[in-house]
C-alpha atoms as a PDB file:
ATOM      1  CA  MET A   1      45.598-187.594 -76.463  1.00  0.00           C
ATOM      2  CA  SER A   2      49.302-187.348 -77.348  1.00  0.00           C
ATOM      3  CA  HIS A   3      51.849-189.446 -75.438  1.00  0.00           C
ATOM      4  CA  LYS A   4      55.457-188.501 -74.605  1.00  0.00           C
ATOM      5  CA  ALA A   5      58.294-190.934 -73.944  1.00  0.00           C
ATOM      6  CA  GLY A   6      62.060-190.809 -73.898  1.00  0.00           C
ATOM      7  CA  PHE A   7      65.382-191.676 -72.288  1.00  0.00           C
ATOM      8  CA  VAL A   8      66.727-189.308 -69.637  1.00  0.00           C
ATOM      9  CA  ASN A   9      70.315-190.166 -68.754  1.00  0.00           C
ATOM     10  CA  ILE A  10      72.056-188.972 -65.579  1.00  0.00           C
ATOM     11  CA  ILE A  11      75.836-188.549 -65.681  1.00  0.00           C
ATOM     12  CA  GLY A  12      78.486-186.936 -63.476  1.00  0.00           C
ATOM     13  CA  ASN A  13      81.522-187.567 -61.284  1.00  0.00           C
ATOM     14  CA  PRO A  14      81.341-190.174 -58.462  1.00  0.00           C
ATOM     15  CA  ASN A  15      79.414-189.218 -55.322  1.00  0.00           C
ATOM     16  CA  VAL A  16      77.451-186.293 -56.773  1.00  0.00           C
ATOM     17  CA  GLY A  17      74.100-187.878 -55.843  1.00  0.00           C
ATOM     18  CA  LYS A  18      72.929-189.390 -59.152  1.00  0.00           C
ATOM     19  CA  SER A  19      71.409-192.463 -57.496  1.00  0.00           C
ATOM     20  CA  THR A  20      69.650-190.351 -54.841  1.00  0.00           C
ATOM     21  CA  LEU A  21      68.096-188.239 -57.605  1.00  0.00           C
ATOM     22  CA  MET A  22      66.967-191.260 -59.604  1.00  0.00           C
ATOM     23  CA  ASN A  23      65.348-192.828 -56.539  1.00  0.00           C
ATOM     24  CA  ALA A  24      63.637-189.479 -55.774  1.00  0.00           C
ATOM     25  CA  PHE A  25      62.155-189.348 -59.290  1.00  0.00           C
ATOM     26  CA  ILE A  26      60.916-192.928 -59.105  1.00  0.00           C
ATOM     27  CA  GLY A  27      59.746-192.994 -55.488  1.00  0.00           C
ATOM     28  CA  GLU A  28      61.468-196.382 -55.026  1.00  0.00           C
ATOM     29  CA  LYS A  29      64.978-197.376 -53.993  1.00  0.00           C
ATOM     30  CA  LEU A  30      66.274-198.850 -57.236  1.00  0.00           C
ATOM     31  CA  SER A  31      69.883-197.639 -57.113  1.00  0.00           C
ATOM     32  CA  ILE A  32      71.996-198.426 -54.066  1.00  0.00           C
ATOM     33  CA  ILE A  33      73.482-195.444 -52.260  1.00  0.00           C
ATOM     34  CA  THR A  34      76.612-195.207 -50.117  1.00  0.00           C
ATOM     35  CA  SER A  35      79.191-192.507 -49.448  1.00  0.00           C
ATOM     36  CA  LYS A  36      81.882-194.494 -51.298  1.00  0.00           C
ATOM     37  CA  ALA A  37      82.909-193.729 -54.869  1.00  0.00           C
ATOM     38  CA  GLN A  38      82.036-196.321 -57.564  1.00  0.00           C
ATOM     39  CA  THR A  39      78.927-197.516 -55.727  1.00  0.00           C
ATOM     40  CA  THR A  40      77.074-197.712 -59.061  1.00  0.00           C
ATOM     41  CA  ARG A  41      78.754-200.185 -61.429  1.00  0.00           C
ATOM     42  CA  HIS A  42      76.015-200.855 -63.976  1.00  0.00           C
ATOM     43  CA  ARG A  43      73.655-198.726 -65.989  1.00  0.00           C
ATOM     44  CA  ILE A  44      70.312-199.041 -64.214  1.00  0.00           C
ATOM     45  CA  LEU A  45      67.026-198.035 -65.833  1.00  0.00           C
ATOM     46  CA  GLY A  46      64.138-196.745 -63.733  1.00  0.00           C
ATOM     47  CA  ILE A  47      60.795-196.170 -65.438  1.00  0.00           C
ATOM     48  CA  VAL A  48      58.293-193.501 -64.383  1.00  0.00           C
ATOM     49  CA  ASN A  49      54.863-193.888 -65.987  1.00  0.00           C
ATOM     50  CA  GLY A  50      51.985-191.434 -66.214  1.00  0.00           C
ATOM     51  CA  GLU A  51      48.784-191.523 -68.223  1.00  0.00           C
ATOM     52  CA  ASP A  52      50.350-189.576 -71.102  1.00  0.00           C
ATOM     53  CA  PHE A  53      54.098-190.081 -70.528  1.00  0.00           C
ATOM     54  CA  GLN A  54      56.883-192.583 -69.865  1.00  0.00           C
ATOM     55  CA  VAL A  55      60.238-191.330 -68.581  1.00  0.00           C
ATOM     56  CA  VAL A  56      63.024-193.912 -68.823  1.00  0.00           C
ATOM     57  CA  LEU A  57      65.696-192.736 -66.383  1.00  0.00           C
ATOM     58  CA  SER A  58      69.210-194.086 -66.566  1.00  0.00           C
ATOM     59  CA  ASP A  59      71.631-194.014 -63.620  1.00  0.00           C
ATOM     60  CA  THR A  60      75.220-194.583 -64.757  1.00  0.00           C
ATOM     61  CA  PRO A  61      78.514-195.139 -62.913  1.00  0.00           C
ATOM     62  CA  GLY A  62      80.385-192.015 -61.826  1.00  0.00           C
ATOM     63  CA  ILE A  63      82.947-190.864 -64.392  1.00  0.00           C
ATOM     64  CA  ILE A  64      86.493-191.972 -63.528  1.00  0.00           C
ATOM     65  CA  LYS A  65      89.788-192.690 -65.282  1.00  0.00           C
ATOM     66  CA  PRO A  66      89.714-196.511 -65.630  1.00  0.00           C
ATOM     67  CA  ALA A  67      92.504-198.427 -63.888  1.00  0.00           C
ATOM     68  CA  TYR A  68      91.440-202.023 -64.687  1.00  0.00           C
ATOM     69  CA  GLU A  69      89.012-204.017 -66.856  1.00  0.00           C
ATOM     70  CA  LEU A  70      85.986-203.642 -64.575  1.00  0.00           C
ATOM     71  CA  GLN A  71      86.311-199.855 -64.608  1.00  0.00           C
ATOM     72  CA  GLU A  72      86.669-199.893 -68.425  1.00  0.00           C
ATOM     73  CA  SER A  73      83.332-201.722 -68.566  1.00  0.00           C
ATOM     74  CA  MET A  74      81.772-199.201 -66.174  1.00  0.00           C
ATOM     75  CA  MET A  75      82.839-196.321 -68.443  1.00  0.00           C
ATOM     76  CA  GLY A  76      81.345-198.238 -71.372  1.00  0.00           C
ATOM     77  CA  PHE A  77      77.945-197.872 -69.661  1.00  0.00           C
ATOM     78  CA  VAL A  78      78.515-194.095 -69.451  1.00  0.00           C
ATOM     79  CA  LYS A  79      79.373-193.885 -73.163  1.00  0.00           C
ATOM     80  CA  SER A  80      76.178-195.743 -74.048  1.00  0.00           C
ATOM     81  CA  ALA A  81      74.200-193.160 -72.042  1.00  0.00           C
ATOM     82  CA  PHE A  82      75.214-190.481 -74.575  1.00  0.00           C
ATOM     83  CA  GLU A  83      74.016-192.560 -77.510  1.00  0.00           C
ATOM     84  CA  ASP A  84      70.329-192.977 -76.722  1.00  0.00           C
ATOM     85  CA  ALA A  85      69.521-189.940 -74.541  1.00  0.00           C
ATOM     86  CA  ASP A  86      66.619-187.619 -75.390  1.00  0.00           C
ATOM     87  CA  VAL A  87      67.518-185.409 -72.406  1.00  0.00           C
ATOM     88  CA  LEU A  88      70.882-185.376 -70.604  1.00  0.00           C
ATOM     89  CA  LEU A  89      71.080-184.585 -66.886  1.00  0.00           C
ATOM     90  CA  TYR A  90      74.608-183.490 -66.021  1.00  0.00           C
ATOM     91  CA  MET A  91      74.893-183.535 -62.250  1.00  0.00           C
ATOM     92  CA  VAL A  92      77.523-181.583 -60.323  1.00  0.00           C
ATOM     93  CA  GLU A  93      77.777-180.633 -56.666  1.00  0.00           C
ATOM     94  CA  ILE A  94      78.533-177.391 -54.899  1.00  0.00           C
ATOM     95  CA  GLY A  95      82.287-176.716 -55.033  1.00  0.00           C
ATOM     96  CA  GLU A  96      82.969-179.031 -57.963  1.00  0.00           C
ATOM     97  CA  LYS A  97      85.072-177.587 -60.772  1.00  0.00           C
ATOM     98  CA  GLU A  98      85.212-180.064 -63.650  1.00  0.00           C
ATOM     99  CA  LEU A  99      84.371-183.501 -64.990  1.00  0.00           C
ATOM    100  CA  LYS A 100      87.047-186.164 -64.470  1.00  0.00           C
ATOM    101  CA  ASP A 101      87.176-186.911 -68.198  1.00  0.00           C
ATOM    102  CA  GLU A 102      87.691-184.098 -70.716  1.00  0.00           C
ATOM    103  CA  ALA A 103      86.275-186.074 -73.649  1.00  0.00           C
ATOM    104  CA  PHE A 104      82.989-186.634 -71.804  1.00  0.00           C
ATOM    105  CA  PHE A 105      82.885-182.955 -70.853  1.00  0.00           C
ATOM    106  CA  ASN A 106      83.312-181.937 -74.500  1.00  0.00           C
ATOM    107  CA  LYS A 107      80.463-184.261 -75.457  1.00  0.00           C
ATOM    108  CA  ILE A 108      78.214-182.477 -72.961  1.00  0.00           C
ATOM    109  CA  THR A 109      79.143-178.947 -74.047  1.00  0.00           C
ATOM    110  CA  ASN A 110      78.667-179.874 -77.725  1.00  0.00           C
ATOM    111  CA  SER A 111      75.504-181.910 -77.185  1.00  0.00           C
ATOM    112  CA  LYS A 112      72.711-181.490 -79.733  1.00  0.00           C
ATOM    113  CA  ILE A 113      70.133-182.777 -77.237  1.00  0.00           C
ATOM    114  CA  PRO A 114      68.786-180.726 -74.291  1.00  0.00           C
ATOM    115  CA  VAL A 115      71.145-180.625 -71.287  1.00  0.00           C
ATOM    116  CA  LEU A 116      69.934-179.864 -67.769  1.00  0.00           C
ATOM    117  CA  LEU A 117      72.802-179.102 -65.407  1.00  0.00           C
ATOM    118  CA  LEU A 118      71.755-179.974 -61.867  1.00  0.00           C
ATOM    119  CA  LEU A 119      73.773-178.253 -59.148  1.00  0.00           C
ATOM    120  CA  ASN A 120      73.250-180.678 -56.277  1.00  0.00           C
ATOM    121  CA  LYS A 121      73.724-180.506 -52.478  1.00  0.00           C
ATOM    122  CA  ILE A 122      72.722-176.835 -52.293  1.00  0.00           C
ATOM    123  CA  ASP A 123      71.528-177.534 -48.728  1.00  0.00           C
ATOM    124  CA  LYS A 124      75.258-177.444 -47.886  1.00  0.00           C
ATOM    125  CA  SER A 125      75.851-173.952 -49.336  1.00  0.00           C
ATOM    126  CA  ASP A 126      74.851-170.328 -48.715  1.00  0.00           C
ATOM    127  CA  GLN A 127      73.214-167.910 -51.158  1.00  0.00           C
ATOM    128  CA  GLY A 128      76.478-166.183 -52.156  1.00  0.00           C
ATOM    129  CA  GLN A 129      78.251-169.448 -52.929  1.00  0.00           C
ATOM    130  CA  LEU A 130      75.230-170.740 -54.853  1.00  0.00           C
ATOM    131  CA  GLU A 131      75.043-167.636 -57.064  1.00  0.00           C
ATOM    132  CA  GLU A 132      78.779-167.827 -57.768  1.00  0.00           C
ATOM    133  CA  GLN A 133      78.506-171.531 -58.700  1.00  0.00           C
ATOM    134  CA  VAL A 134      75.517-170.953 -60.993  1.00  0.00           C
ATOM    135  CA  GLN A 135      77.469-168.256 -62.837  1.00  0.00           C
ATOM    136  CA  THR A 136      80.598-170.456 -63.126  1.00  0.00           C
ATOM    137  CA  TRP A 137      78.686-173.378 -64.615  1.00  0.00           C
ATOM    138  CA  ALA A 138      76.619-171.134 -66.909  1.00  0.00           C
ATOM    139  CA  GLU A 139      79.922-170.027 -68.474  1.00  0.00           C
ATOM    140  CA  LYS A 140      81.388-173.551 -68.635  1.00  0.00           C
ATOM    141  CA  VAL A 141      78.294-175.285 -70.065  1.00  0.00           C
ATOM    142  CA  SER A 142      76.549-172.509 -71.996  1.00  0.00           C
ATOM    143  CA  ASN A 143      74.189-174.966 -73.737  1.00  0.00           C
ATOM    144  CA  ALA A 144      72.660-176.156 -70.432  1.00  0.00           C
ATOM    145  CA  GLU A 145      69.708-175.030 -68.349  1.00  0.00           C
ATOM    146  CA  ILE A 146      70.822-174.837 -64.713  1.00  0.00           C
ATOM    147  CA  PHE A 147      68.721-176.094 -61.797  1.00  0.00           C
ATOM    148  CA  PRO A 148      69.981-175.827 -58.198  1.00  0.00           C
ATOM    149  CA  VAL A 149      68.699-178.975 -56.417  1.00  0.00           C
ATOM    150  CA  SER A 150      68.972-181.038 -53.282  1.00  0.00           C
ATOM    151  CA  ALA A 151      68.252-184.622 -54.310  1.00  0.00           C
ATOM    152  CA  LEU A 152      68.397-185.730 -50.665  1.00  0.00           C
ATOM    153  CA  GLU A 153      65.960-183.077 -49.414  1.00  0.00           C
ATOM    154  CA  GLY A 154      63.784-183.179 -52.546  1.00  0.00           C
ATOM    155  CA  PHE A 155      64.337-179.486 -53.302  1.00  0.00           C
ATOM    156  CA  ASN A 156      63.523-178.581 -56.940  1.00  0.00           C
ATOM    157  CA  VAL A 157      63.211-182.277 -57.910  1.00  0.00           C
ATOM    158  CA  LYS A 158      59.586-181.855 -59.068  1.00  0.00           C
ATOM    159  CA  GLU A 159      60.515-178.760 -61.083  1.00  0.00           C
ATOM    160  CA  VAL A 160      63.282-180.679 -62.880  1.00  0.00           C
ATOM    161  CA  PHE A 161      60.875-183.534 -63.625  1.00  0.00           C
ATOM    162  CA  THR A 162      58.302-181.082 -65.035  1.00  0.00           C
ATOM    163  CA  ARG A 163      60.970-179.618 -67.337  1.00  0.00           C
ATOM    164  CA  ILE A 164      61.968-183.137 -68.456  1.00  0.00           C
ATOM    165  CA  LEU A 165      58.358-183.831 -69.468  1.00  0.00           C
ATOM    166  CA  GLU A 166      58.275-180.603 -71.489  1.00  0.00           C
ATOM    167  CA  LEU A 167      61.442-181.636 -73.371  1.00  0.00           C
ATOM    168  CA  LEU A 168      60.470-185.242 -74.161  1.00  0.00           C
ATOM    169  CA  PRO A 169      59.485-186.102 -77.744  1.00  0.00           C
ATOM    170  CA  GLU A 170      56.055-187.464 -78.606  1.00  0.00           C
ATOM    171  CA  SER A 171      56.368-191.232 -78.677  1.00  0.00           C
ATOM    172  CA  PRO A 172      54.549-194.397 -77.604  1.00  0.00           C
ATOM    173  CA  PRO A 173      55.955-196.032 -74.436  1.00  0.00           C
ATOM    174  CA  PHE A 174      59.100-198.143 -74.777  1.00  0.00           C
ATOM    175  CA  TYR A 175      58.203-200.498 -71.913  1.00  0.00           C
ATOM    176  CA  PRO A 176      54.966-201.933 -70.481  1.00  0.00           C
ATOM    177  CA  LYS A 177      53.251-199.324 -68.298  1.00  0.00           C
ATOM    178  CA  ASP A 178      53.499-201.453 -65.133  1.00  0.00           C
ATOM    179  CA  GLN A 179      57.263-201.984 -65.490  1.00  0.00           C
ATOM    180  CA  LEU A 180      59.570-200.226 -62.999  1.00  0.00           C
ATOM    181  CA  THR A 181      63.013-201.241 -64.306  1.00  0.00           C
ATOM    182  CA  ASP A 182      64.835-203.296 -66.928  1.00  0.00           C
ATOM    183  CA  LYS A 183      66.711-205.350 -64.322  1.00  0.00           C
ATOM    184  CA  PRO A 184      65.635-208.792 -62.984  1.00  0.00           C
ATOM    185  CA  GLU A 185      64.949-209.533 -59.287  1.00  0.00           C
ATOM    186  CA  ARG A 186      68.340-211.182 -58.780  1.00  0.00           C
ATOM    187  CA  PHE A 187      70.099-207.953 -59.773  1.00  0.00           C
ATOM    188  CA  PHE A 188      68.489-206.062 -56.867  1.00  0.00           C
ATOM    189  CA  ILE A 189      69.382-208.816 -54.424  1.00  0.00           C
ATOM    190  CA  ASN A 190      73.020-208.647 -55.584  1.00  0.00           C
ATOM    191  CA  GLU A 191      73.073-204.849 -55.329  1.00  0.00           C
ATOM    192  CA  THR A 192      71.477-204.784 -51.864  1.00  0.00           C
ATOM    193  CA  ILE A 193      74.087-207.195 -50.506  1.00  0.00           C
ATOM    194  CA  ARG A 194      76.856-205.190 -52.201  1.00  0.00           C
ATOM    195  CA  GLU A 195      75.522-201.985 -50.649  1.00  0.00           C
ATOM    196  CA  LYS A 196      75.889-203.468 -47.148  1.00  0.00           C
ATOM    197  CA  ILE A 197      79.451-204.528 -47.954  1.00  0.00           C
ATOM    198  CA  LEU A 198      80.256-201.004 -49.164  1.00  0.00           C
ATOM    199  CA  MET A 199      78.837-199.620 -45.926  1.00  0.00           C
ATOM    200  CA  HIS A 200      80.595-201.940 -43.461  1.00  0.00           C
ATOM    201  CA  TYR A 201      83.986-202.818 -44.956  1.00  0.00           C
ATOM    202  CA  LYS A 202      86.970-200.541 -45.536  1.00  0.00           C
ATOM    203  CA  LYS A 203      89.804-200.025 -48.014  1.00  0.00           C
ATOM    204  CA  GLU A 204      89.947-202.370 -50.991  1.00  0.00           C
ATOM    205  CA  ILE A 205      87.408-204.966 -49.781  1.00  0.00           C
ATOM    206  CA  PRO A 206      84.194-203.454 -51.280  1.00  0.00           C
ATOM    207  CA  TYR A 207      85.864-202.942 -54.664  1.00  0.00           C
ATOM    208  CA  ALA A 208      87.118-206.535 -54.816  1.00  0.00           C
ATOM    209  CA  VAL A 209      83.586-207.898 -54.242  1.00  0.00           C
ATOM    210  CA  GLU A 210      80.923-209.072 -56.680  1.00  0.00           C
ATOM    211  CA  VAL A 211      77.693-210.796 -55.681  1.00  0.00           C
ATOM    212  CA  ASP A 212      76.003-213.601 -57.632  1.00  0.00           C
ATOM    213  CA  THR A 213      72.543-214.850 -56.661  1.00  0.00           C
ATOM    214  CA  GLU A 214      72.528-218.509 -57.645  1.00  0.00           C
ATOM    215  CA  GLU A 215      69.045-219.412 -56.414  1.00  0.00           C
ATOM    216  CA  PHE A 216      65.820-217.397 -56.288  1.00  0.00           C
ATOM    217  CA  PHE A 217      62.635-219.281 -55.383  1.00  0.00           C
ATOM    218  CA  GLU A 218      59.456-217.247 -54.939  1.00  0.00           C
ATOM    219  CA  GLU A 219      56.617-218.830 -52.984  1.00  0.00           C
ATOM    220  CA  GLU A 220      53.298-217.268 -51.970  1.00  0.00           C
ATOM    221  CA  THR A 221      54.521-215.752 -48.704  1.00  0.00           C
ATOM    222  CA  ILE A 222      58.328-216.083 -48.860  1.00  0.00           C
ATOM    223  CA  ILE A 223      61.258-215.706 -51.253  1.00  0.00           C
ATOM    224  CA  ARG A 224      64.200-218.077 -50.711  1.00  0.00           C
ATOM    225  CA  VAL A 225      67.549-216.776 -51.878  1.00  0.00           C
ATOM    226  CA  ARG A 226      71.053-218.235 -52.076  1.00  0.00           C
ATOM    227  CA  SER A 227      73.772-215.698 -52.900  1.00  0.00           C
ATOM    228  CA  VAL A 228      77.537-215.978 -53.248  1.00  0.00           C
ATOM    229  CA  ILE A 229      79.892-213.120 -52.398  1.00  0.00           C
ATOM    230  CA  MET A 230      82.947-213.305 -54.674  1.00  0.00           C
ATOM    231  CA  VAL A 231      86.293-211.907 -53.504  1.00  0.00           C
ATOM    232  CA  GLU A 232      89.717-211.929 -55.164  1.00  0.00           C
ATOM    233  CA  ARG A 233      91.884-213.290 -52.342  1.00  0.00           C
ATOM    234  CA  GLU A 234      91.685-215.730 -49.427  1.00  0.00           C
ATOM    235  CA  THR A 235      92.493-212.958 -46.901  1.00  0.00           C
ATOM    236  CA  GLN A 236      89.494-210.948 -48.165  1.00  0.00           C
ATOM    237  CA  LYS A 237      87.259-213.977 -47.639  1.00  0.00           C
ATOM    238  CA  GLY A 238      88.247-214.058 -43.946  1.00  0.00           C
ATOM    239  CA  ILE A 239      87.526-210.349 -43.529  1.00  0.00           C
ATOM    240  CA  ILE A 240      84.084-210.643 -45.165  1.00  0.00           C
ATOM    241  CA  ILE A 241      83.133-213.557 -42.890  1.00  0.00           C
ATOM    242  CA  GLY A 242      84.507-211.960 -39.712  1.00  0.00           C
ATOM    243  CA  HIS A 243      85.023-213.472 -36.258  1.00  0.00           C
ATOM    244  CA  LYS A 244      82.794-216.571 -35.969  1.00  0.00           C
ATOM    245  CA  GLY A 245      80.822-215.338 -39.000  1.00  0.00           C
ATOM    246  CA  SER A 246      79.640-212.154 -37.263  1.00  0.00           C
ATOM    247  CA  ALA A 247      80.436-209.741 -40.103  1.00  0.00           C
ATOM    248  CA  LEU A 248      78.746-211.910 -42.740  1.00  0.00           C
ATOM    249  CA  LYS A 249      75.724-212.349 -40.477  1.00  0.00           C
ATOM    250  CA  ARG A 250      75.316-208.560 -40.207  1.00  0.00           C
ATOM    251  CA  VAL A 251      75.367-208.240 -44.017  1.00  0.00           C
ATOM    252  CA  GLY A 252      72.706-210.958 -44.254  1.00  0.00           C
ATOM    253  CA  VAL A 253      70.405-209.467 -41.603  1.00  0.00           C
ATOM    254  CA  GLU A 254      70.559-205.925 -43.029  1.00  0.00           C
ATOM    255  CA  SER A 255      70.102-207.158 -46.619  1.00  0.00           C
ATOM    256  CA  ARG A 256      67.084-209.234 -45.608  1.00  0.00           C
ATOM    257  CA  LYS A 257      65.378-206.229 -43.976  1.00  0.00           C
ATOM    258  CA  ASP A 258      65.834-204.049 -47.076  1.00  0.00           C
ATOM    259  CA  LEU A 259      64.769-206.809 -49.468  1.00  0.00           C
ATOM    260  CA  GLU A 260      61.615-207.523 -47.471  1.00  0.00           C
ATOM    261  CA  LYS A 261      60.656-203.866 -47.929  1.00  0.00           C
ATOM    262  CA  PHE A 262      61.513-203.969 -51.635  1.00  0.00           C
ATOM    263  CA  PHE A 263      59.627-207.191 -52.450  1.00  0.00           C
ATOM    264  CA  GLY A 264      56.869-206.857 -49.828  1.00  0.00           C
ATOM    265  CA  LYS A 265      57.441-210.471 -48.744  1.00  0.00           C
ATOM    266  CA  GLN A 266      59.362-212.455 -46.166  1.00  0.00           C
ATOM    267  CA  ILE A 267      62.917-213.248 -47.344  1.00  0.00           C
ATOM    268  CA  HIS A 268      65.075-216.208 -46.370  1.00  0.00           C
ATOM    269  CA  ILE A 269      68.665-215.506 -47.427  1.00  0.00           C
ATOM    270  CA  GLU A 270      71.716-217.794 -47.388  1.00  0.00           C
ATOM    271  CA  LEU A 271      75.110-216.148 -47.939  1.00  0.00           C
ATOM    272  CA  TYR A 272      78.367-217.834 -48.933  1.00  0.00           C
ATOM    273  CA  VAL A 273      81.819-216.407 -49.693  1.00  0.00           C
ATOM    274  CA  LYS A 274      84.057-217.731 -52.488  1.00  0.00           C
ATOM    275  CA  VAL A 275      87.455-216.711 -53.871  1.00  0.00           C
ATOM    276  CA  ASN A 276      87.369-215.861 -57.578  1.00  0.00           C
ATOM    277  CA  LYS A 277      90.928-214.737 -58.345  1.00  0.00           C
ATOM    278  CA  ASN A 278      91.363-211.459 -60.251  1.00  0.00           C
ATOM    279  CA  TRP A 279      87.758-211.447 -61.527  1.00  0.00           C
ATOM    280  CA  ARG A 280      87.946-207.646 -62.060  1.00  0.00           C
ATOM    281  CA  SER A 281      90.527-208.144 -64.843  1.00  0.00           C
ATOM    282  CA  ASN A 282      89.054-211.293 -66.371  1.00  0.00           C
ATOM    283  CA  GLN A 283      86.892-210.677 -69.464  1.00  0.00           C
ATOM    284  CA  ASN A 284      84.966-213.952 -69.114  1.00  0.00           C
ATOM    285  CA  GLN A 285      84.156-213.316 -65.464  1.00  0.00           C
ATOM    286  CA  LEU A 286      83.113-209.719 -66.204  1.00  0.00           C
ATOM    287  CA  LYS A 287      80.742-210.955 -68.919  1.00  0.00           C
ATOM    288  CA  ARG A 288      79.287-213.463 -66.494  1.00  0.00           C
ATOM    289  CA  PHE A 289      78.519-210.635 -64.045  1.00  0.00           C
ATOM    290  CA  GLY A 290      76.886-208.478 -66.746  1.00  0.00           C
ATOM    291  CA  TYR A 291      79.764-206.169 -67.645  1.00  0.00           C
ATOM    292  CA  ASN A 292      80.190-206.079 -71.424  1.00  0.00           C
END
């Protein structure tokens, strides 16, 4: 029996629903999701295995014009997604007109690999608007197959996945068949905590934060975790902690609940906050946090 395998890379502007789509394909919450732009900072692989296929999905940061070193690194992850893709998923949403970077857009329209253009959030549109959008994008990206989808509602997600399988090359699997992702456990702890910070803090705070899990001890019935929330300034540290530690406690409680679902075990989590000045513009610090 022949076996298919390949890399399917999802790209698009911030907030178009790339992470929601990836999680829908996988059936697990691998990528964190919030309504804020730049929620995804890394390139995250999610692996879907079948008897005769392996789809390696890649969720990348939303395309932006970089303003500092961290954002340059984030766009580096997007560039790498063009290099190894067997199928490219270009995700746009109803009402969107263009990609925020012309060079990336030209790469898509001149791509030699199959491009599926996914018109997301169609649950927020009517038939007339949808038809007009399909026509607009068919003219802009003439090399793409267009699929109207709702990643949140699951509409057309199975049909897109079926088409991906048809387009994949014949190949042995790239990863062991029981593997779900390329990231270690600590990465998902960091991301879960960061998701709660994105959800509960305003303005610059979420973007000045990085999380580093310094200890991860797994026992038979419990996982013990010690994580540090890094901020850039002393004032941000006070905001993260909140009055008598209340804000930090909420982050800890909500993170623990999600992580217990993810790992299927009891979680004991200790959170600390440290100032790490200007880490977003410091090459050594960025390397330490996995941004190359």
